[in-house]
């Protein structure tokens, strides 16, 4: 079971998340996001003992492959894109209705990230979707959308996902993490994962 923090834009925020126990960190390579990683130099300063997840939206597959290699990314989280052969892929799905197990199984991905519909924002709204729409799904499900320290425990109890992912509710402003909120989220998620294992 994994805990991911997404939308990291600085080395200090990344190191804070790792120190608190995050397994994966998401870096946004979509220029339309307020969390877009404009300056990638800090990625070279980070250790190698976590999963580097690159978030891509409507991106050219070759550019995804180039960025994966350049920044030593472990996983490509793809929004509104087909899977790309030869790399680890997590597919993002906006949950706007009941999901079938067949839909999850047909995704050509290591894991599926379930998030709240966000329109043109492509995530990071701070809103949760109705978790009951995803009840009973099997496989590597990463639950996202409006999670923070206050509700992540309940989300894990109800859905027993493979992972949880938070972004905007852990921020002081878009692209800038509140380190206390980040630590509290990771601690709460870890505590609940330990309880349900």
Protein backbone atom coordinates (compact mmCIF):
# COMPACT_ATOMS: atom_id res chain seq x y z
CA UNK A 1 0.00 0.00 0.00
CA UNK A 2 1.40 3.34 -1.03
CA UNK A 3 1.06 6.99 -0.06
CA UNK A 4 1.62 9.55 -2.81
CA UNK A 5 1.84 13.33 -2.64
CA UNK A 6 1.27 15.05 -5.97
CA UNK A 7 2.00 18.51 -7.34
CA UNK A 8 5.42 18.89 -5.74
CA UNK A 9 7.41 21.80 -7.21
CA UNK A 10 10.39 22.26 -4.86
CA UNK A 11 13.14 20.14 -3.38
CA UNK A 12 12.18 21.14 0.19
CA UNK A 13 8.58 20.01 -0.27
CA UNK A 14 9.74 16.75 -1.81
CA UNK A 15 12.21 16.06 1.00
CA UNK A 16 9.56 16.90 3.63
CA UNK A 17 7.16 14.40 2.06
CA UNK A 18 9.83 11.72 1.92
CA UNK A 19 10.91 12.36 5.50
CA UNK A 20 7.27 11.96 6.57
CA UNK A 21 7.04 8.58 4.85
CA UNK A 22 5.69 9.15 1.33
CA UNK A 23 6.34 6.27 -1.08
CA UNK A 24 5.72 8.26 -4.26
CA UNK A 25 5.85 11.88 -5.33
CA UNK A 26 4.06 13.33 -8.32
CA UNK A 27 5.64 15.94 -10.57
CA UNK A 28 3.30 17.71 -12.99
CA UNK A 29 4.61 18.07 -16.53
CA UNK A 30 1.40 19.58 -17.92
CA UNK A 31 1.94 23.28 -18.67
CA UNK A 32 -1.75 24.02 -18.06
CA UNK A 33 -1.41 23.31 -14.34
CA UNK A 34 -0.57 25.76 -11.57
CA UNK A 35 1.63 22.94 -10.27
CA UNK A 36 3.61 22.62 -13.51
CA UNK A 37 7.28 21.91 -12.82
CA UNK A 38 8.92 24.75 -14.72
CA UNK A 39 12.33 24.38 -13.11
CA UNK A 40 13.27 20.72 -12.98
CA UNK A 41 16.82 21.18 -11.68
CA UNK A 42 15.81 20.19 -8.15
CA UNK A 43 14.87 16.69 -9.31
CA UNK A 44 18.58 15.89 -9.57
CA UNK A 45 19.01 16.71 -5.86
CA UNK A 46 16.50 14.12 -4.69
CA UNK A 47 17.37 10.61 -3.45
CA UNK A 48 16.41 7.49 -5.38
CA UNK A 49 14.48 5.63 -2.68
CA UNK A 50 10.97 6.62 -3.79
CA UNK A 51 8.81 6.41 -6.90
CA UNK A 52 9.04 9.46 -9.13
CA UNK A 53 5.69 9.83 -10.86
CA UNK A 54 5.39 12.14 -13.84
CA UNK A 55 1.90 13.48 -14.56
CA UNK A 56 1.10 13.97 -18.25
CA UNK A 57 -2.04 15.25 -20.02
CA UNK A 58 -2.65 14.91 -23.79
CA UNK A 59 1.12 14.59 -24.24
CA UNK A 60 3.06 13.26 -27.21
CA UNK A 61 4.18 9.73 -26.27
CA UNK A 62 7.75 10.35 -27.39
CA UNK A 63 7.99 13.43 -25.17
CA UNK A 64 6.74 11.34 -22.26
CA UNK A 65 9.49 8.79 -22.92
CA UNK A 66 12.10 11.56 -23.22
CA UNK A 67 11.05 13.19 -19.94
CA UNK A 68 10.92 9.82 -18.19
CA UNK A 69 14.52 9.17 -19.18
CA UNK A 70 15.79 12.70 -18.56
CA UNK A 71 14.36 12.95 -15.03
CA UNK A 72 14.66 9.29 -14.04
CA UNK A 73 10.91 9.00 -13.59
CA UNK A 74 9.64 5.60 -12.48
CA UNK A 75 5.97 5.93 -13.46
CA UNK A 76 3.96 7.91 -16.01
CA UNK A 77 0.53 8.96 -14.70
CA UNK A 78 -1.48 9.49 -17.86
CA UNK A 79 -4.57 11.69 -18.13
CA UNK A 80 -6.68 11.38 -21.29
CA UNK A 81 -3.97 9.36 -23.00
CA UNK A 82 -3.52 5.80 -24.15
CA UNK A 83 -0.97 3.60 -22.41
CA UNK A 84 2.60 3.76 -23.68
CA UNK A 85 4.51 0.52 -24.14
CA UNK A 86 7.76 -0.10 -22.31
CA UNK A 87 7.16 2.05 -19.23
CA UNK A 88 5.21 1.79 -15.99
CA UNK A 89 1.84 3.48 -16.44
CA UNK A 90 -0.83 4.60 -13.98
CA UNK A 91 -4.01 5.67 -15.77
CA UNK A 92 -6.11 8.48 -14.29
CA UNK A 93 -9.89 8.14 -14.45
CA UNK A 94 -12.37 10.87 -13.52
CA UNK A 95 -15.15 9.25 -11.53
CA UNK A 96 -18.47 10.66 -12.71
CA UNK A 97 -20.53 7.48 -12.38
CA UNK A 98 -20.33 3.95 -11.05
CA UNK A 99 -17.20 2.21 -12.28
CA UNK A 100 -17.28 -1.40 -13.43
CA UNK A 101 -14.54 -3.88 -12.70
CA UNK A 102 -14.40 -4.48 -16.44
CA UNK A 103 -13.48 -0.82 -17.00
CA UNK A 104 -10.64 -1.10 -14.49
CA UNK A 105 -9.40 -4.39 -15.91
CA UNK A 106 -9.30 -3.12 -19.48
CA UNK A 107 -6.92 -0.28 -18.68
CA UNK A 108 -3.43 -1.16 -19.83
CA UNK A 109 -1.82 0.08 -16.67
CA UNK A 110 -0.04 -1.04 -13.54
CA UNK A 111 -2.52 0.97 -11.46
CA UNK A 112 -5.58 3.16 -11.90
CA UNK A 113 -5.85 6.57 -10.20
CA UNK A 114 -9.46 7.47 -9.39
CA UNK A 115 -9.99 11.22 -9.12
CA UNK A 116 -12.77 13.81 -9.02
CA UNK A 117 -13.88 15.24 -12.38
CA UNK A 118 -12.12 18.57 -12.81
CA UNK A 119 -12.95 19.77 -16.31
CA UNK A 120 -10.09 21.74 -17.82
CA UNK A 121 -8.11 21.62 -14.56
CA UNK A 122 -7.33 17.89 -14.90
CA UNK A 123 -7.25 17.37 -11.12
CA UNK A 124 -6.24 19.35 -8.07
CA UNK A 125 -9.72 20.67 -7.25
CA UNK A 126 -9.70 19.73 -3.57
CA UNK A 127 -13.08 18.02 -3.98
CA UNK A 128 -13.85 14.38 -3.21
CA UNK A 129 -16.06 12.21 -5.39
CA UNK A 130 -18.69 9.86 -3.98
CA UNK A 131 -16.53 6.96 -2.82
CA UNK A 132 -19.45 4.56 -3.09
CA UNK A 133 -19.11 4.82 -6.87
CA UNK A 134 -15.83 2.92 -6.56
CA UNK A 135 -16.86 0.45 -3.85
CA UNK A 136 -15.74 -3.14 -4.32
CA UNK A 137 -13.22 -2.53 -7.10
CA UNK A 138 -10.26 -4.90 -7.19
CA UNK A 139 -6.72 -4.31 -8.35
CA UNK A 140 -4.21 -1.55 -7.81
CA UNK A 141 -6.51 1.38 -7.15
CA UNK A 142 -5.02 4.72 -6.10
CA UNK A 143 -7.68 6.92 -4.52
CA UNK A 144 -7.32 10.66 -5.16
CA UNK A 145 -9.55 13.71 -5.01
CA UNK A 146 -10.02 15.93 -1.97
CA UNK A 147 -8.02 13.85 0.48
CA UNK A 148 -6.32 15.24 3.56
CA UNK A 149 -5.51 14.17 7.12
CA UNK A 150 -9.14 14.56 8.17
CA UNK A 151 -10.71 12.13 5.70
CA UNK A 152 -8.01 9.80 4.40
CA UNK A 153 -8.50 7.30 7.23
CA UNK A 154 -12.20 6.95 6.46
CA UNK A 155 -11.48 6.66 2.74
CA UNK A 156 -9.06 3.79 3.39
CA UNK A 157 -11.54 2.07 5.72
CA UNK A 158 -14.30 2.21 3.11
CA UNK A 159 -12.45 1.38 -0.10
CA UNK A 160 -9.25 -0.41 1.00
CA UNK A 161 -7.31 1.04 -1.96
CA UNK A 162 -3.79 0.05 -2.94
CA UNK A 163 -2.79 3.67 -2.54
CA UNK A 164 -3.91 7.20 -1.71
CA UNK A 165 -2.88 10.44 -3.38
CA UNK A 166 -3.31 14.04 -2.23
CA UNK A 167 -2.44 17.40 -3.68
CA UNK A 168 -4.44 20.60 -3.31
CA UNK A 169 -5.68 20.11 0.26
CA UNK A 170 -2.06 19.91 1.36
CA UNK A 171 -1.20 23.34 -0.02
CA UNK A 172 -0.84 26.86 1.33
CA UNK A 173 -1.35 28.07 -2.24
CA UNK A 174 -1.36 26.27 -5.61
CA UNK A 175 2.04 24.67 -6.14
CA UNK A 176 3.26 25.39 -2.59
CA UNK A 177 2.80 22.67 0.00
CA UNK A 178 1.92 23.29 3.63
CA UNK A 179 4.45 21.00 5.28
CA UNK A 180 2.40 20.45 8.44
CA UNK A 181 -0.62 19.38 6.36
CA UNK A 182 1.57 17.12 4.27
CA UNK A 183 3.03 15.40 7.32
CA UNK A 184 -0.40 15.02 8.93
CA UNK A 185 -1.85 13.45 5.76
CA UNK A 186 0.97 10.95 5.40
CA UNK A 187 0.85 10.05 9.11
CA UNK A 188 -2.93 9.53 9.01
CA UNK A 189 -2.74 7.40 5.85
CA UNK A 190 0.09 5.26 7.24
CA UNK A 191 -1.77 4.73 10.52
CA UNK A 192 -4.91 3.54 8.74
CA UNK A 193 -3.05 1.35 6.26
CA UNK A 194 -1.30 -0.34 9.21
CA UNK A 195 -4.67 -0.89 10.88
CA UNK A 196 -6.33 -2.54 7.89
CA UNK A 197 -3.41 -4.76 6.87
